[in-house]
Amino acid sequence: MKIIKRLAERVLRDDFIYLERKVAEKVSELSKEYQEIIEERDKTIVGLKTVIENQKADILKLRKQAEKRPHFKRKRK
């Protein structure tokens, strides 16, 4: 009976170790995927910030151009 109990404990321990390794591998994979997603999101954010800054610069240029133009009044009939 003790032999069966020891064998069962050993099998369960081996199974537990195997499953523990599998879980660790899966966590590692998911961690890598999550890191890639974060990096992609960061690139997108940087790109959007650049676009916004460029648009602000364009708006400032257009405002300066508009200030330089003379304003013509309509002639009333």
N, C-alpha and C. Protein backbone atom coordinates (compact mmCIF):
# COMPACT_ATOMS: atom_id res chain seq x y z
N MET A 1 0.83 -1.19 0.00
CA MET A 1 0.00 0.00 0.00
C MET A 1 0.87 1.26 0.00
N LYS A 2 1.99 1.21 0.76
CA LYS A 2 2.87 2.37 0.82
C LYS A 2 3.51 2.63 -0.54
N ILE A 3 3.81 1.56 -1.27
CA ILE A 3 4.43 1.70 -2.58
C ILE A 3 3.48 2.42 -3.54
N ILE A 4 2.22 2.02 -3.51
CA ILE A 4 1.21 2.64 -4.37
C ILE A 4 1.05 4.12 -4.00
N LYS A 5 1.04 4.38 -2.71
CA LYS A 5 0.89 5.76 -2.24
C LYS A 5 2.08 6.61 -2.69
N ARG A 6 3.29 6.08 -2.58
CA ARG A 6 4.48 6.81 -3.00
C ARG A 6 4.48 7.05 -4.51
N LEU A 7 4.10 6.01 -5.26
CA LEU A 7 4.03 6.17 -6.71
C LEU A 7 3.00 7.23 -7.09
N ALA A 8 1.86 7.19 -6.43
CA ALA A 8 0.81 8.18 -6.71
C ALA A 8 1.31 9.59 -6.38
N GLU A 9 2.00 9.74 -5.26
CA GLU A 9 2.54 11.05 -4.89
C GLU A 9 3.56 11.52 -5.92
N ARG A 10 4.41 10.62 -6.35
CA ARG A 10 5.43 10.97 -7.34
C ARG A 10 4.79 11.38 -8.67
N VAL A 11 3.78 10.61 -9.10
CA VAL A 11 3.09 10.93 -10.35
C VAL A 11 2.40 12.29 -10.23
N LEU A 12 1.71 12.50 -9.11
CA LEU A 12 1.02 13.78 -8.92
C LEU A 12 2.02 14.94 -8.87
N ARG A 13 3.14 14.74 -8.20
CA ARG A 13 4.16 15.77 -8.11
C ARG A 13 4.71 16.08 -9.50
N ASP A 14 5.00 15.03 -10.28
CA ASP A 14 5.50 15.22 -11.64
C ASP A 14 4.48 15.96 -12.51
N ASP A 15 3.21 15.56 -12.38
CA ASP A 15 2.14 16.24 -13.13
C ASP A 15 2.05 17.71 -12.72
N PHE A 16 2.15 17.95 -11.43
CA PHE A 16 2.07 19.32 -10.93
C PHE A 16 3.23 20.15 -11.46
N ILE A 17 4.43 19.59 -11.45
CA ILE A 17 5.61 20.30 -11.96
C ILE A 17 5.45 20.59 -13.46
N TYR A 18 4.95 19.59 -14.21
CA TYR A 18 4.72 19.76 -15.64
C TYR A 18 3.73 20.89 -15.89
N LEU A 19 2.61 20.86 -15.17
CA LEU A 19 1.59 21.89 -15.35
C LEU A 19 2.11 23.27 -14.93
N GLU A 20 2.91 23.29 -13.89
CA GLU A 20 3.50 24.55 -13.43
C GLU A 20 4.40 25.15 -14.52
N ARG A 21 5.18 24.30 -15.18
CA ARG A 21 6.04 24.76 -16.27
C ARG A 21 5.22 25.27 -17.45
N LYS A 22 4.15 24.55 -17.77
CA LYS A 22 3.28 24.95 -18.88
C LYS A 22 2.65 26.31 -18.59
N VAL A 23 2.19 26.50 -17.36
CA VAL A 23 1.60 27.78 -16.98
C VAL A 23 2.64 28.89 -17.08
N ALA A 24 3.85 28.62 -16.63
CA ALA A 24 4.93 29.62 -16.70
C ALA A 24 5.23 29.98 -18.16
N GLU A 25 5.24 28.98 -19.05
CA GLU A 25 5.48 29.24 -20.47
C GLU A 25 4.37 30.11 -21.06
N LYS A 26 3.13 29.77 -20.72
CA LYS A 26 1.99 30.52 -21.26
C LYS A 26 2.00 31.95 -20.75
N VAL A 27 2.33 32.13 -19.47
CA VAL A 27 2.42 33.48 -18.91
C VAL A 27 3.51 34.26 -19.63
N SER A 28 4.62 33.61 -19.92
CA SER A 28 5.72 34.27 -20.63
C SER A 28 5.27 34.70 -22.03
N GLU A 29 4.56 33.81 -22.74
CA GLU A 29 4.05 34.13 -24.07
C GLU A 29 3.11 35.33 -24.01
N LEU A 30 2.17 35.27 -23.07
CA LEU A 30 1.20 36.35 -22.96
C LEU A 30 1.88 37.66 -22.57
N SER A 31 2.90 37.56 -21.75
CA SER A 31 3.64 38.75 -21.35
C SER A 31 4.32 39.38 -22.56
N LYS A 32 4.90 38.55 -23.42
CA LYS A 32 5.55 39.06 -24.63
C LYS A 32 4.52 39.72 -25.55
N GLU A 33 3.36 39.06 -25.73
CA GLU A 33 2.31 39.62 -26.57
C GLU A 33 1.82 40.95 -26.00
N TYR A 34 1.64 40.99 -24.70
CA TYR A 34 1.18 42.21 -24.04
C TYR A 34 2.20 43.32 -24.23
N GLN A 35 3.48 42.99 -24.11
CA GLN A 35 4.54 43.99 -24.31
C GLN A 35 4.52 44.52 -25.73
N GLU A 36 4.31 43.63 -26.72
CA GLU A 36 4.24 44.06 -28.11
C GLU A 36 3.05 44.99 -28.33
N ILE A 37 1.92 44.66 -27.71
CA ILE A 37 0.73 45.50 -27.83
C ILE A 37 1.00 46.88 -27.23
N ILE A 38 1.65 46.91 -26.08
CA ILE A 38 1.97 48.19 -25.43
C ILE A 38 2.91 49.01 -26.32
N GLU A 39 3.92 48.37 -26.90
CA GLU A 39 4.85 49.08 -27.78
C GLU A 39 4.13 49.65 -29.00
N GLU A 40 3.23 48.86 -29.57
CA GLU A 40 2.46 49.32 -30.73
C GLU A 40 1.58 50.50 -30.35
N ARG A 41 0.95 50.42 -29.18
CA ARG A 41 0.11 51.52 -28.70
C ARG A 41 0.94 52.78 -28.49
N ASP A 42 2.13 52.62 -27.92
CA ASP A 42 3.00 53.77 -27.69
C ASP A 42 3.41 54.42 -29.02
N LYS A 43 3.71 53.59 -30.03
CA LYS A 43 4.05 54.13 -31.34
C LYS A 43 2.87 54.92 -31.92
N THR A 44 1.67 54.38 -31.75
CA THR A 44 0.47 55.05 -32.24
C THR A 44 0.28 56.38 -31.54
N ILE A 45 0.48 56.40 -30.23
CA ILE A 45 0.33 57.64 -29.46
C ILE A 45 1.34 58.68 -29.92
N VAL A 46 2.59 58.26 -30.12
CA VAL A 46 3.62 59.19 -30.58
C VAL A 46 3.24 59.74 -31.96
N GLY A 47 2.76 58.86 -32.83
CA GLY A 47 2.33 59.30 -34.16
C GLY A 47 1.20 60.30 -34.10
N LEU A 48 0.22 60.04 -33.24
CA LEU A 48 -0.91 60.96 -33.10
C LEU A 48 -0.46 62.30 -32.51
N LYS A 49 0.45 62.27 -31.56
CA LYS A 49 0.98 63.52 -31.00
C LYS A 49 1.67 64.34 -32.08
N THR A 50 2.44 63.66 -32.93
CA THR A 50 3.13 64.34 -34.03
C THR A 50 2.13 64.98 -34.98
N VAL A 51 1.08 64.24 -35.31
CA VAL A 51 0.04 64.78 -36.20
C VAL A 51 -0.60 66.01 -35.58
N ILE A 52 -0.92 65.94 -34.30
CA ILE A 52 -1.55 67.07 -33.60
C ILE A 52 -0.62 68.28 -33.59
N GLU A 53 0.66 68.06 -33.30
CA GLU A 53 1.62 69.16 -33.29
C GLU A 53 1.74 69.80 -34.67
N ASN A 54 1.76 68.96 -35.71
CA ASN A 54 1.84 69.48 -37.07
C ASN A 54 0.60 70.30 -37.42
N GLN A 55 -0.57 69.82 -36.98
CA GLN A 55 -1.80 70.55 -37.25
C GLN A 55 -1.81 71.89 -36.51
N LYS A 56 -1.31 71.90 -35.28
CA LYS A 56 -1.24 73.16 -34.53
C LYS A 56 -0.33 74.15 -35.26
N ALA A 57 0.81 73.65 -35.74
CA ALA A 57 1.74 74.51 -36.48
C ALA A 57 1.08 75.05 -37.74
N ASP A 58 0.34 74.19 -38.45
CA ASP A 58 -0.36 74.63 -39.66
C ASP A 58 -1.40 75.69 -39.33
N ILE A 59 -2.12 75.51 -38.24
CA ILE A 59 -3.14 76.48 -37.84
C ILE A 59 -2.49 77.82 -37.52
N LEU A 60 -1.37 77.79 -36.81
CA LEU A 60 -0.67 79.04 -36.51
C LEU A 60 -0.21 79.75 -37.79
N LYS A 61 0.31 78.99 -38.75
CA LYS A 61 0.73 79.57 -40.02
C LYS A 61 -0.45 80.22 -40.74
N LEU A 62 -1.59 79.50 -40.75
CA LEU A 62 -2.78 80.04 -41.42
C LEU A 62 -3.27 81.30 -40.72
N ARG A 63 -3.21 81.35 -39.41
CA ARG A 63 -3.63 82.55 -38.68
C ARG A 63 -2.72 83.73 -39.03
N LYS A 64 -1.41 83.49 -39.08
CA LYS A 64 -0.48 84.56 -39.44
C LYS A 64 -0.74 85.05 -40.86
N GLN A 65 -1.01 84.11 -41.77
CA GLN A 65 -1.31 84.50 -43.14
C GLN A 65 -2.59 85.32 -43.20
N ALA A 66 -3.59 84.93 -42.41
CA ALA A 66 -4.86 85.64 -42.41
C ALA A 66 -4.68 87.04 -41.84
N GLU A 67 -3.81 87.20 -40.86
CA GLU A 67 -3.57 88.53 -40.28
C GLU A 67 -2.88 89.45 -41.28
N LYS A 68 -2.05 88.91 -42.14
CA LYS A 68 -1.32 89.71 -43.12
C LYS A 68 -2.21 90.18 -44.27
N ARG A 69 -3.27 89.46 -44.56
CA ARG A 69 -4.14 89.82 -45.68
C ARG A 69 -4.96 91.06 -45.32
N PRO A 70 -5.12 91.93 -46.29
CA PRO A 70 -5.97 93.10 -46.02
C PRO A 70 -7.44 92.69 -46.02
N HIS A 71 -8.20 93.35 -45.20
CA HIS A 71 -9.63 93.07 -45.15
C HIS A 71 -10.34 94.05 -46.09
N PHE A 72 -11.06 93.51 -47.01
CA PHE A 72 -11.80 94.35 -47.95
C PHE A 72 -13.22 94.48 -47.46
N LYS A 73 -13.70 95.72 -47.47
CA LYS A 73 -15.08 95.95 -47.08
C LYS A 73 -15.94 95.89 -48.33
N ARG A 74 -17.14 95.41 -48.15
CA ARG A 74 -18.06 95.36 -49.28
C ARG A 74 -18.60 96.77 -49.54
N LYS A 75 -18.74 97.04 -50.79
CA LYS A 75 -19.34 98.33 -51.15
C LYS A 75 -20.85 98.18 -51.08
N ARG A 76 -21.45 99.11 -50.41
CA ARG A 76 -22.92 99.07 -50.33
C ARG A 76 -23.49 99.88 -51.48
N LYS A 77 -24.55 99.35 -52.03
CA LYS A 77 -25.18 100.04 -53.17
C LYS A 77 -26.26 100.95 -52.70
